[in-house]
Amino acid sequence: MATKIRLQRNGRKSYAFYSVVIADVRAPRDGKFIEKIGTYNPNTDPATIDLNFERALHWVMVGAQPTDTVRNILSDEGVYLKKHLLGGVKKGAFGEAEVEAKFNAWKENKQNGLQSLIAKKQEEAKAADKARFEAEKKINEGKAKVIADRKAAELAEEAAKVAEANKAVADAVAAAPAPAVEVAEEAKAPVEEVKAPVEEAEAAE
């Protein structure tokens, strides 16, 4: 029976994740399968892969054919590297201990590279957050300046109106007629001037 290693779709709409399964080549994509050997979630960054390495290696060694996507997954997980190294053991190129040493060195190097990638992405995310914060800060400062300028203009306009009103009042006061008391005093002076000659005439008689 010809077998394939393929992905079986799971998850909801717009958020699909996949099971890595061993299935008969005649079975539909999401139909019956022989064995599930892992999961693949492309929605994370980097993609999350949970693989039963030993079972995946077993099926590759017995000739199961992966799809293109599954081949990339198995290659990233080192399944094909291990197959290649085991092939070297069969040919007598090196021993099993050397295979394990080489594979562990590759795995450690891959893990370090993955950690570096994650750290780089975190730094990029922090830098993006900082840049976004600075941009928002500048926007807020610009808005605050516009509001302050508007308030200052409104205060200056109010002050001008008050000054204009005060000037109008001062002009009105200056142009108003003299008070009644002052008018009476001014009228009293000629009466006193007329009264003096009359008293002198009476005294002469």
N, C-alpha and C. Protein backbone atom coordinates (compact mmCIF):
# COMPACT_ATOMS: atom_id res chain seq x y z
N MET A 1 0.84 -1.20 0.00
CA MET A 1 0.00 0.00 0.00
C MET A 1 0.88 1.25 0.00
N ALA A 2 0.69 2.13 -0.99
CA ALA A 2 1.45 3.38 -1.07
C ALA A 2 0.92 4.36 -0.03
N THR A 3 1.81 4.97 0.69
CA THR A 3 1.41 5.91 1.74
C THR A 3 2.01 7.28 1.49
N LYS A 4 1.31 8.28 1.98
CA LYS A 4 1.79 9.66 1.90
C LYS A 4 1.79 10.27 3.30
N ILE A 5 2.68 11.23 3.48
CA ILE A 5 2.67 12.04 4.70
C ILE A 5 2.10 13.39 4.27
N ARG A 6 0.94 13.72 4.79
CA ARG A 6 0.25 14.94 4.34
C ARG A 6 -0.32 15.70 5.52
N LEU A 7 -0.86 16.86 5.22
CA LEU A 7 -1.50 17.70 6.23
C LEU A 7 -3.01 17.49 6.16
N GLN A 8 -3.62 17.41 7.33
CA GLN A 8 -5.07 17.32 7.44
C GLN A 8 -5.56 18.59 8.13
N ARG A 9 -6.48 19.29 7.46
CA ARG A 9 -6.90 20.60 7.95
C ARG A 9 -7.80 20.49 9.17
N ASN A 10 -7.54 21.38 10.16
CA ASN A 10 -8.39 21.54 11.34
C ASN A 10 -8.57 23.03 11.60
N GLY A 11 -9.35 23.34 12.62
CA GLY A 11 -9.51 24.75 12.99
C GLY A 11 -10.71 25.39 12.32
N ARG A 12 -10.96 26.62 12.72
CA ARG A 12 -12.11 27.35 12.21
C ARG A 12 -11.74 28.13 10.95
N LYS A 13 -12.72 28.81 10.39
CA LYS A 13 -12.51 29.61 9.20
C LYS A 13 -11.55 30.76 9.51
N SER A 14 -10.61 30.98 8.60
CA SER A 14 -9.59 32.03 8.72
C SER A 14 -8.58 31.76 9.83
N TYR A 15 -8.64 30.58 10.45
CA TYR A 15 -7.64 30.22 11.45
C TYR A 15 -7.43 28.71 11.38
N ALA A 16 -6.81 28.29 10.30
CA ALA A 16 -6.60 26.85 10.09
C ALA A 16 -5.28 26.40 10.70
N PHE A 17 -5.30 25.23 11.33
CA PHE A 17 -4.06 24.55 11.71
C PHE A 17 -4.19 23.10 11.25
N TYR A 18 -3.09 22.40 11.23
CA TYR A 18 -3.07 21.11 10.53
C TYR A 18 -2.48 20.00 11.39
N SER A 19 -2.98 18.79 11.12
CA SER A 19 -2.37 17.59 11.68
C SER A 19 -1.49 16.97 10.61
N VAL A 20 -0.34 16.47 11.02
CA VAL A 20 0.54 15.76 10.10
C VAL A 20 0.19 14.27 10.22
N VAL A 21 -0.31 13.69 9.14
CA VAL A 21 -0.82 12.32 9.20
C VAL A 21 -0.20 11.44 8.13
N ILE A 22 -0.23 10.15 8.39
CA ILE A 22 0.14 9.14 7.42
C ILE A 22 -1.15 8.59 6.84
N ALA A 23 -1.29 8.66 5.53
CA ALA A 23 -2.55 8.25 4.91
C ALA A 23 -2.30 7.50 3.61
N ASP A 24 -3.27 6.69 3.23
CA ASP A 24 -3.23 6.01 1.94
C ASP A 24 -3.34 7.08 0.85
N VAL A 25 -2.61 6.90 -0.23
CA VAL A 25 -2.63 7.88 -1.31
C VAL A 25 -4.03 8.03 -1.92
N ARG A 26 -4.87 6.98 -1.76
CA ARG A 26 -6.22 7.04 -2.34
C ARG A 26 -7.22 7.73 -1.42
N ALA A 27 -6.86 7.98 -0.18
CA ALA A 27 -7.78 8.61 0.77
C ALA A 27 -7.85 10.11 0.49
N PRO A 28 -9.04 10.71 0.70
CA PRO A 28 -9.16 12.17 0.52
C PRO A 28 -8.31 12.90 1.56
N ARG A 29 -8.07 14.19 1.30
CA ARG A 29 -7.15 14.95 2.16
C ARG A 29 -7.56 14.93 3.62
N ASP A 30 -8.83 15.18 3.89
CA ASP A 30 -9.30 15.23 5.28
C ASP A 30 -10.06 13.97 5.67
N GLY A 31 -9.76 12.88 4.96
CA GLY A 31 -10.47 11.62 5.25
C GLY A 31 -9.71 10.73 6.23
N LYS A 32 -9.90 9.46 6.06
CA LYS A 32 -9.31 8.47 6.97
C LYS A 32 -7.79 8.47 6.85
N PHE A 33 -7.11 8.29 7.99
CA PHE A 33 -5.65 8.23 7.97
C PHE A 33 -5.18 7.06 8.82
N ILE A 34 -3.91 6.71 8.63
CA ILE A 34 -3.33 5.55 9.33
C ILE A 34 -2.79 5.95 10.70
N GLU A 35 -2.07 7.06 10.75
CA GLU A 35 -1.45 7.50 12.01
C GLU A 35 -1.23 9.01 11.98
N LYS A 36 -1.41 9.63 13.11
CA LYS A 36 -1.11 11.05 13.27
C LYS A 36 0.26 11.17 13.93
N ILE A 37 1.16 11.92 13.31
CA ILE A 37 2.52 12.01 13.84
C ILE A 37 2.91 13.43 14.28
N GLY A 38 1.96 14.36 14.19
CA GLY A 38 2.31 15.70 14.65
C GLY A 38 1.27 16.74 14.26
N THR A 39 1.57 17.99 14.60
CA THR A 39 0.69 19.12 14.26
C THR A 39 1.55 20.25 13.70
N TYR A 40 0.88 21.10 12.93
CA TYR A 40 1.55 22.24 12.30
C TYR A 40 0.61 23.43 12.37
N ASN A 41 1.05 24.51 13.04
CA ASN A 41 0.24 25.72 13.17
C ASN A 41 0.96 26.89 12.53
N PRO A 42 0.51 27.31 11.33
CA PRO A 42 1.18 28.41 10.63
C PRO A 42 0.74 29.79 11.11
N ASN A 43 -0.16 29.87 12.09
CA ASN A 43 -0.69 31.16 12.53
C ASN A 43 0.24 31.89 13.48
N THR A 44 1.24 31.18 14.00
CA THR A 44 2.21 31.82 14.91
C THR A 44 3.44 32.25 14.12
N ASP A 45 4.28 33.06 14.74
CA ASP A 45 5.50 33.53 14.09
C ASP A 45 6.68 33.33 15.03
N PRO A 46 7.58 32.36 14.78
CA PRO A 46 7.54 31.41 13.66
C PRO A 46 6.45 30.35 13.84
N ALA A 47 6.17 29.59 12.78
CA ALA A 47 5.15 28.55 12.83
C ALA A 47 5.48 27.52 13.90
N THR A 48 4.43 27.02 14.56
CA THR A 48 4.62 26.03 15.63
C THR A 48 4.50 24.63 15.06
N ILE A 49 5.52 23.82 15.30
CA ILE A 49 5.53 22.44 14.81
C ILE A 49 5.74 21.51 16.00
N ASP A 50 4.84 20.56 16.14
CA ASP A 50 4.96 19.53 17.19
C ASP A 50 4.98 18.18 16.48
N LEU A 51 6.16 17.57 16.41
CA LEU A 51 6.34 16.38 15.59
C LEU A 51 6.90 15.22 16.41
N ASN A 52 6.31 14.04 16.21
CA ASN A 52 6.88 12.81 16.78
C ASN A 52 8.04 12.41 15.87
N PHE A 53 9.23 12.80 16.26
CA PHE A 53 10.39 12.66 15.39
C PHE A 53 10.64 11.20 15.01
N GLU A 54 10.59 10.32 15.98
CA GLU A 54 10.92 8.91 15.72
C GLU A 54 9.93 8.28 14.74
N ARG A 55 8.63 8.59 14.91
CA ARG A 55 7.64 8.02 13.99
C ARG A 55 7.77 8.63 12.60
N ALA A 56 8.07 9.93 12.56
CA ALA A 56 8.28 10.56 11.25
C ALA A 56 9.47 9.95 10.54
N LEU A 57 10.56 9.73 11.27
CA LEU A 57 11.75 9.11 10.69
C LEU A 57 11.44 7.69 10.21
N HIS A 58 10.68 6.95 11.01
CA HIS A 58 10.31 5.58 10.63
C HIS A 58 9.57 5.57 9.30
N TRP A 59 8.57 6.44 9.15
CA TRP A 59 7.77 6.42 7.92
C TRP A 59 8.58 6.90 6.72
N VAL A 60 9.49 7.83 6.93
CA VAL A 60 10.35 8.27 5.83
C VAL A 60 11.29 7.13 5.43
N MET A 61 11.80 6.39 6.41
CA MET A 61 12.72 5.29 6.12
C MET A 61 12.04 4.15 5.37
N VAL A 62 10.74 3.97 5.60
CA VAL A 62 10.04 2.86 4.91
C VAL A 62 9.43 3.32 3.59
N GLY A 63 9.68 4.57 3.20
CA GLY A 63 9.29 5.00 1.86
C GLY A 63 8.04 5.84 1.74
N ALA A 64 7.45 6.29 2.83
CA ALA A 64 6.28 7.16 2.73
C ALA A 64 6.68 8.47 2.07
N GLN A 65 5.86 8.96 1.14
CA GLN A 65 6.18 10.16 0.37
C GLN A 65 5.45 11.38 0.94
N PRO A 66 6.19 12.39 1.34
CA PRO A 66 5.54 13.60 1.89
C PRO A 66 5.10 14.54 0.77
N THR A 67 4.11 15.37 1.09
CA THR A 67 3.77 16.47 0.19
C THR A 67 4.86 17.53 0.30
N ASP A 68 4.83 18.54 -0.57
CA ASP A 68 5.88 19.55 -0.57
C ASP A 68 5.97 20.29 0.77
N THR A 69 4.80 20.65 1.31
CA THR A 69 4.81 21.37 2.59
C THR A 69 5.35 20.49 3.71
N VAL A 70 4.91 19.23 3.74
CA VAL A 70 5.37 18.32 4.79
C VAL A 70 6.86 18.04 4.63
N ARG A 71 7.34 17.98 3.39
CA ARG A 71 8.77 17.77 3.19
C ARG A 71 9.58 18.91 3.81
N ASN A 72 9.10 20.14 3.63
CA ASN A 72 9.78 21.29 4.23
C ASN A 72 9.76 21.21 5.75
N ILE A 73 8.62 20.77 6.30
CA ILE A 73 8.50 20.63 7.75
C ILE A 73 9.48 19.59 8.27
N LEU A 74 9.51 18.43 7.61
CA LEU A 74 10.40 17.35 8.04
C LEU A 74 11.87 17.76 7.89
N SER A 75 12.16 18.51 6.84
CA SER A 75 13.54 18.97 6.64
C SER A 75 13.94 19.95 7.74
N ASP A 76 13.03 20.86 8.09
CA ASP A 76 13.32 21.81 9.16
C ASP A 76 13.52 21.12 10.50
N GLU A 77 12.81 20.03 10.70
CA GLU A 77 12.93 19.30 11.97
C GLU A 77 14.11 18.34 11.98
N GLY A 78 14.81 18.19 10.88
CA GLY A 78 16.01 17.35 10.83
C GLY A 78 15.76 15.89 10.49
N VAL A 79 14.55 15.55 10.06
CA VAL A 79 14.24 14.15 9.75
C VAL A 79 15.09 13.67 8.58
N TYR A 80 15.19 14.49 7.54
CA TYR A 80 15.95 14.06 6.37
C TYR A 80 17.45 14.08 6.64
N LEU A 81 17.91 14.96 7.52
CA LEU A 81 19.32 14.93 7.91
C LEU A 81 19.63 13.62 8.62
N LYS A 82 18.75 13.23 9.54
CA LYS A 82 18.98 11.98 10.28
C LYS A 82 18.94 10.79 9.32
N LYS A 83 18.04 10.82 8.35
CA LYS A 83 17.98 9.74 7.36
C LYS A 83 19.29 9.66 6.58
N HIS A 84 19.80 10.83 6.19
CA HIS A 84 21.06 10.88 5.45
C HIS A 84 22.22 10.32 6.29
N LEU A 85 22.26 10.71 7.56
CA LEU A 85 23.33 10.23 8.44
C LEU A 85 23.23 8.72 8.66
N LEU A 86 22.02 8.22 8.82
CA LEU A 86 21.85 6.77 8.98
C LEU A 86 22.24 6.02 7.71
N GLY A 87 21.99 6.66 6.57
CA GLY A 87 22.47 6.06 5.31
C GLY A 87 23.98 5.95 5.30
N GLY A 88 24.68 6.94 5.87
CA GLY A 88 26.13 6.88 5.95
C GLY A 88 26.60 5.76 6.86
N VAL A 89 25.82 5.48 7.93
CA VAL A 89 26.17 4.36 8.81
C VAL A 89 26.09 3.05 8.06
N LYS A 90 25.03 2.89 7.26
CA LYS A 90 24.87 1.65 6.49
C LYS A 90 26.01 1.46 5.50
N LYS A 91 26.52 2.57 4.97
CA LYS A 91 27.63 2.48 4.02
C LYS A 91 28.99 2.38 4.71
N GLY A 92 28.98 2.50 6.03
CA GLY A 92 30.23 2.40 6.79
C GLY A 92 31.05 3.67 6.79
N ALA A 93 30.45 4.80 6.43
CA ALA A 93 31.18 6.06 6.40
C ALA A 93 31.52 6.54 7.81
N PHE A 94 30.63 6.31 8.78
CA PHE A 94 30.88 6.69 10.17
C PHE A 94 29.96 5.86 11.06
N GLY A 95 30.21 5.90 12.37
CA GLY A 95 29.46 5.09 13.31
C GLY A 95 28.24 5.82 13.86
N GLU A 96 27.45 5.07 14.63
CA GLU A 96 26.22 5.65 15.19
C GLU A 96 26.51 6.76 16.19
N ALA A 97 27.60 6.63 16.94
CA ALA A 97 27.97 7.67 17.91
C ALA A 97 28.27 8.98 17.19
N GLU A 98 28.95 8.87 16.06
CA GLU A 98 29.25 10.07 15.29
C GLU A 98 27.97 10.68 14.70
N VAL A 99 27.04 9.80 14.32
CA VAL A 99 25.75 10.27 13.81
C VAL A 99 25.04 11.11 14.87
N GLU A 100 24.99 10.57 16.09
CA GLU A 100 24.32 11.29 17.17
C GLU A 100 25.01 12.62 17.48
N ALA A 101 26.36 12.61 17.45
CA ALA A 101 27.11 13.83 17.73
C ALA A 101 26.82 14.90 16.67
N LYS A 102 26.84 14.49 15.40
CA LYS A 102 26.57 15.44 14.32
C LYS A 102 25.13 15.95 14.37
N PHE A 103 24.21 15.04 14.65
CA PHE A 103 22.81 15.45 14.69
C PHE A 103 22.55 16.39 15.87
N ASN A 104 23.13 16.09 17.02
CA ASN A 104 22.95 16.95 18.20
C ASN A 104 23.58 18.33 17.98
N ALA A 105 24.74 18.35 17.28
CA ALA A 105 25.38 19.63 16.99
C ALA A 105 24.48 20.45 16.06
N TRP A 106 23.91 19.80 15.05
CA TRP A 106 23.00 20.51 14.14
C TRP A 106 21.77 21.02 14.89
N LYS A 107 21.24 20.17 15.77
CA LYS A 107 20.04 20.55 16.52
C LYS A 107 20.33 21.73 17.44
N GLU A 108 21.49 21.72 18.10
CA GLU A 108 21.85 22.82 19.00
C GLU A 108 22.04 24.11 18.20
N ASN A 109 22.70 24.00 17.04
CA ASN A 109 22.90 25.17 16.19
C ASN A 109 21.57 25.73 15.71
N LYS A 110 20.65 24.84 15.35
CA LYS A 110 19.32 25.27 14.90
C LYS A 110 18.57 25.96 16.03
N GLN A 111 18.68 25.41 17.24
CA GLN A 111 18.00 26.01 18.39
C GLN A 111 18.55 27.39 18.69
N ASN A 112 19.88 27.53 18.59
CA ASN A 112 20.49 28.84 18.82
C ASN A 112 20.04 29.85 17.77
N GLY A 113 19.96 29.38 16.52
CA GLY A 113 19.48 30.25 15.45
C GLY A 113 18.03 30.67 15.68
N LEU A 114 17.22 29.72 16.16
CA LEU A 114 15.82 30.03 16.44
C LEU A 114 15.70 31.04 17.56
N GLN A 115 16.51 30.87 18.61
CA GLN A 115 16.49 31.82 19.72
C GLN A 115 16.94 33.21 19.27
N SER A 116 17.94 33.24 18.39
CA SER A 116 18.40 34.53 17.86
C SER A 116 17.31 35.20 17.04
N LEU A 117 16.60 34.38 16.25
CA LEU A 117 15.51 34.92 15.43
C LEU A 117 14.40 35.48 16.31
N ILE A 118 14.06 34.74 17.36
CA ILE A 118 13.01 35.20 18.28
C ILE A 118 13.44 36.49 18.97
N ALA A 119 14.71 36.52 19.42
CA ALA A 119 15.22 37.73 20.08
C ALA A 119 15.21 38.92 19.12
N LYS A 120 15.57 38.67 17.87
CA LYS A 120 15.57 39.75 16.87
C LYS A 120 14.16 40.28 16.64
N LYS A 121 13.21 39.36 16.54
CA LYS A 121 11.82 39.77 16.33
C LYS A 121 11.30 40.56 17.53
N GLN A 122 11.69 40.14 18.73
CA GLN A 122 11.28 40.87 19.92
C GLN A 122 11.86 42.28 19.94
N GLU A 123 13.15 42.40 19.54
CA GLU A 123 13.78 43.72 19.48
C GLU A 123 13.10 44.59 18.44
N GLU A 124 12.77 43.99 17.30
CA GLU A 124 12.07 44.75 16.25
C GLU A 124 10.70 45.20 16.73
N ALA A 125 10.02 44.32 17.47
CA ALA A 125 8.71 44.68 18.00
C ALA A 125 8.83 45.82 19.00
N LYS A 126 9.86 45.76 19.87
CA LYS A 126 10.08 46.84 20.84
C LYS A 126 10.39 48.15 20.12
N ALA A 127 11.24 48.07 19.09
CA ALA A 127 11.60 49.28 18.34
C ALA A 127 10.36 49.86 17.65
N ALA A 128 9.53 48.98 17.11
CA ALA A 128 8.30 49.45 16.44
C ALA A 128 7.36 50.10 17.46
N ASP A 129 7.25 49.49 18.65
CA ASP A 129 6.40 50.06 19.70
C ASP A 129 6.93 51.43 20.13
N LYS A 130 8.26 51.54 20.27
CA LYS A 130 8.86 52.80 20.67
C LYS A 130 8.63 53.88 19.62
N ALA A 131 8.82 53.50 18.34
CA ALA A 131 8.60 54.45 17.26
C ALA A 131 7.14 54.90 17.20
N ARG A 132 6.23 53.94 17.42
CA ARG A 132 4.81 54.29 17.42
C ARG A 132 4.48 55.22 18.59
N PHE A 133 5.10 54.95 19.75
CA PHE A 133 4.88 55.80 20.92
C PHE A 133 5.38 57.21 20.67
N GLU A 134 6.59 57.32 20.07
CA GLU A 134 7.15 58.65 19.79
C GLU A 134 6.28 59.40 18.78
N ALA A 135 5.78 58.67 17.78
CA ALA A 135 4.92 59.31 16.78
C ALA A 135 3.64 59.82 17.43
N GLU A 136 3.04 58.98 18.29
CA GLU A 136 1.82 59.40 18.99
C GLU A 136 2.11 60.58 19.91
N LYS A 137 3.28 60.57 20.55
CA LYS A 137 3.67 61.67 21.44
C LYS A 137 3.77 62.99 20.67
N LYS A 138 4.40 62.92 19.48
CA LYS A 138 4.53 64.12 18.66
C LYS A 138 3.15 64.62 18.20
N ILE A 139 2.29 63.68 17.83
CA ILE A 139 0.94 64.06 17.41
C ILE A 139 0.20 64.74 18.55
N ASN A 140 0.31 64.16 19.76
CA ASN A 140 -0.36 64.74 20.93
C ASN A 140 0.21 66.12 21.27
N GLU A 141 1.54 66.26 21.14
CA GLU A 141 2.15 67.56 21.40
C GLU A 141 1.66 68.59 20.39
N GLY A 142 1.54 68.16 19.12
CA GLY A 142 1.03 69.07 18.10
C GLY A 142 -0.41 69.49 18.39
N LYS A 143 -1.23 68.53 18.80
CA LYS A 143 -2.61 68.85 19.15
C LYS A 143 -2.68 69.79 20.34
N ALA A 144 -1.83 69.53 21.36
CA ALA A 144 -1.81 70.40 22.54
C ALA A 144 -1.39 71.82 22.17
N LYS A 145 -0.42 71.95 21.24
CA LYS A 145 0.03 73.29 20.81
C LYS A 145 -1.09 74.02 20.08
N VAL A 146 -1.80 73.28 19.22
CA VAL A 146 -2.92 73.90 18.49
C VAL A 146 -3.98 74.39 19.47
N ILE A 147 -4.30 73.56 20.47
CA ILE A 147 -5.30 73.94 21.47
C ILE A 147 -4.83 75.16 22.27
N ALA A 148 -3.54 75.15 22.67
CA ALA A 148 -2.99 76.27 23.44
C ALA A 148 -3.02 77.55 22.61
N ASP A 149 -2.64 77.45 21.34
CA ASP A 149 -2.66 78.64 20.47
C ASP A 149 -4.09 79.16 20.30
N ARG A 150 -5.04 78.24 20.15
CA ARG A 150 -6.43 78.65 20.00
C ARG A 150 -6.94 79.37 21.25
N LYS A 151 -6.58 78.81 22.44
CA LYS A 151 -7.00 79.44 23.69
C LYS A 151 -6.36 80.82 23.86
N ALA A 152 -5.06 80.91 23.48
CA ALA A 152 -4.37 82.20 23.58
C ALA A 152 -5.03 83.23 22.67
N ALA A 153 -5.40 82.78 21.46
CA ALA A 153 -6.06 83.70 20.53
C ALA A 153 -7.41 84.14 21.08
N GLU A 154 -8.14 83.20 21.68
CA GLU A 154 -9.44 83.54 22.27
C GLU A 154 -9.28 84.53 23.42
N LEU A 155 -8.26 84.29 24.28
CA LEU A 155 -8.01 85.22 25.39
C LEU A 155 -7.62 86.60 24.88
N ALA A 156 -6.78 86.65 23.84
CA ALA A 156 -6.38 87.95 23.28
C ALA A 156 -7.59 88.67 22.69
N GLU A 157 -8.45 87.90 22.04
CA GLU A 157 -9.66 88.50 21.46
C GLU A 157 -10.57 89.05 22.55
N GLU A 158 -10.73 88.29 23.65
CA GLU A 158 -11.54 88.76 24.77
C GLU A 158 -10.94 90.01 25.40
N ALA A 159 -9.59 90.01 25.55
CA ALA A 159 -8.92 91.18 26.13
C ALA A 159 -9.11 92.40 25.24
N ALA A 160 -9.05 92.22 23.92
CA ALA A 160 -9.26 93.34 22.99
C ALA A 160 -10.68 93.88 23.11
N LYS A 161 -11.64 92.96 23.24
CA LYS A 161 -13.03 93.39 23.39
C LYS A 161 -13.22 94.19 24.68
N VAL A 162 -12.60 93.69 25.78
CA VAL A 162 -12.70 94.40 27.06
C VAL A 162 -12.07 95.79 26.96
N ALA A 163 -10.89 95.86 26.33
CA ALA A 163 -10.21 97.16 26.18
C ALA A 163 -11.05 98.12 25.34
N GLU A 164 -11.64 97.60 24.28
CA GLU A 164 -12.49 98.43 23.42
C GLU A 164 -13.71 98.94 24.19
N ALA A 165 -14.31 98.06 25.01
CA ALA A 165 -15.47 98.46 25.82
C ALA A 165 -15.08 99.52 26.83
N ASN A 166 -13.92 99.34 27.47
CA ASN A 166 -13.45 100.34 28.44
C ASN A 166 -13.20 101.69 27.78
N LYS A 167 -12.64 101.69 26.58
CA LYS A 167 -12.38 102.94 25.85
C LYS A 167 -13.69 103.64 25.50
N ALA A 168 -14.67 102.81 25.07
CA ALA A 168 -15.97 103.39 24.73
C ALA A 168 -16.60 104.06 25.95
N VAL A 169 -16.47 103.41 27.11
CA VAL A 169 -17.01 103.98 28.34
C VAL A 169 -16.30 105.29 28.69
N ALA A 170 -14.97 105.28 28.57
CA ALA A 170 -14.19 106.49 28.90
C ALA A 170 -14.56 107.64 27.96
N ASP A 171 -14.72 107.32 26.68
CA ASP A 171 -15.10 108.37 25.71
C ASP A 171 -16.49 108.92 26.03
N ALA A 172 -17.40 108.02 26.40
CA ALA A 172 -18.77 108.46 26.73
C ALA A 172 -18.76 109.37 27.95
N VAL A 173 -17.95 109.02 28.95
CA VAL A 173 -17.86 109.85 30.16
C VAL A 173 -17.27 111.22 29.83
N ALA A 174 -16.26 111.24 28.98
CA ALA A 174 -15.63 112.52 28.63
C ALA A 174 -16.57 113.43 27.85
N ALA A 175 -17.42 112.84 27.03
CA ALA A 175 -18.33 113.63 26.19
C ALA A 175 -19.62 114.00 26.91
N ALA A 176 -19.88 113.48 28.10
CA ALA A 176 -21.13 113.74 28.82
C ALA A 176 -21.15 115.18 29.34
N PRO A 177 -22.36 115.91 29.50
CA PRO A 177 -22.44 117.28 30.05
C PRO A 177 -22.01 117.32 31.51
N ALA A 178 -21.66 118.55 31.98
CA ALA A 178 -21.19 118.70 33.36
C ALA A 178 -22.32 118.39 34.32
N PRO A 179 -22.03 117.94 35.49
CA PRO A 179 -23.05 117.63 36.49
C PRO A 179 -23.83 118.89 36.90
N ALA A 180 -25.03 118.75 37.45
CA ALA A 180 -25.92 119.86 37.82
C ALA A 180 -25.30 120.78 38.85
N VAL A 181 -24.54 120.26 39.79
CA VAL A 181 -23.92 121.08 40.83
C VAL A 181 -22.96 122.07 40.23
N GLU A 182 -22.13 121.60 39.26
CA GLU A 182 -21.18 122.48 38.62
C GLU A 182 -21.91 123.57 37.83
N VAL A 183 -23.02 123.20 37.17
CA VAL A 183 -23.81 124.19 36.41
C VAL A 183 -24.36 125.25 37.35
N ALA A 184 -24.87 124.86 38.51
CA ALA A 184 -25.42 125.80 39.50
C ALA A 184 -24.34 126.76 39.98
N GLU A 185 -23.15 126.29 40.25
CA GLU A 185 -22.06 127.13 40.71
C GLU A 185 -21.70 128.16 39.64
N GLU A 186 -21.67 127.68 38.36
CA GLU A 186 -21.34 128.59 37.27
C GLU A 186 -22.42 129.67 37.13
N ALA A 187 -23.70 129.33 37.37
CA ALA A 187 -24.80 130.31 37.25
C ALA A 187 -24.81 131.29 38.43
N LYS A 188 -24.32 130.88 39.57
CA LYS A 188 -24.33 131.69 40.79
C LYS A 188 -23.35 132.86 40.70
N ALA A 189 -22.26 132.72 40.00
CA ALA A 189 -21.24 133.76 39.92
C ALA A 189 -21.77 135.04 39.32
N PRO A 190 -22.51 135.09 38.19
CA PRO A 190 -23.05 136.35 37.65
C PRO A 190 -24.04 137.01 38.60
N VAL A 191 -24.81 136.24 39.34
CA VAL A 191 -25.79 136.81 40.28
C VAL A 191 -25.06 137.62 41.34
N GLU A 192 -23.95 137.09 41.86
CA GLU A 192 -23.17 137.78 42.87
C GLU A 192 -22.61 139.08 42.30
N GLU A 193 -22.19 139.04 41.00
CA GLU A 193 -21.62 140.24 40.37
C GLU A 193 -22.68 141.34 40.22
N VAL A 194 -23.95 141.00 39.95
CA VAL A 194 -25.04 141.99 39.80
C VAL A 194 -25.45 142.54 41.17
N LYS A 195 -25.45 141.66 42.16
CA LYS A 195 -25.91 142.03 43.52
C LYS A 195 -25.01 143.10 44.15
N ALA A 196 -23.72 143.06 43.86
CA ALA A 196 -22.77 144.01 44.48
C ALA A 196 -23.07 145.47 44.10
N PRO A 197 -23.27 145.86 42.82
CA PRO A 197 -23.59 147.27 42.48
C PRO A 197 -24.91 147.73 43.07
N VAL A 198 -25.87 146.88 43.16
CA VAL A 198 -27.19 147.27 43.72
C VAL A 198 -27.01 147.66 45.19
N GLU A 199 -26.26 146.95 45.95
CA GLU A 199 -26.04 147.26 47.37
C GLU A 199 -25.30 148.58 47.51
N GLU A 200 -24.36 148.85 46.57
CA GLU A 200 -23.60 150.10 46.64
C GLU A 200 -24.55 151.33 46.37
N ALA A 201 -25.47 151.13 45.42
CA ALA A 201 -26.42 152.21 45.08
C ALA A 201 -27.32 152.54 46.26
N GLU A 202 -27.82 151.53 46.93
CA GLU A 202 -28.68 151.69 48.07
C GLU A 202 -27.97 152.43 49.20
N ALA A 203 -26.69 152.15 49.37
CA ALA A 203 -25.89 152.78 50.41
C ALA A 203 -25.70 154.29 50.11
N ALA A 204 -25.60 154.67 48.86
CA ALA A 204 -25.40 156.05 48.47
C ALA A 204 -26.65 156.89 48.76
N GLU A 205 -27.83 156.36 48.62
CA GLU A 205 -29.06 157.08 48.89
C GLU A 205 -29.16 157.37 50.39
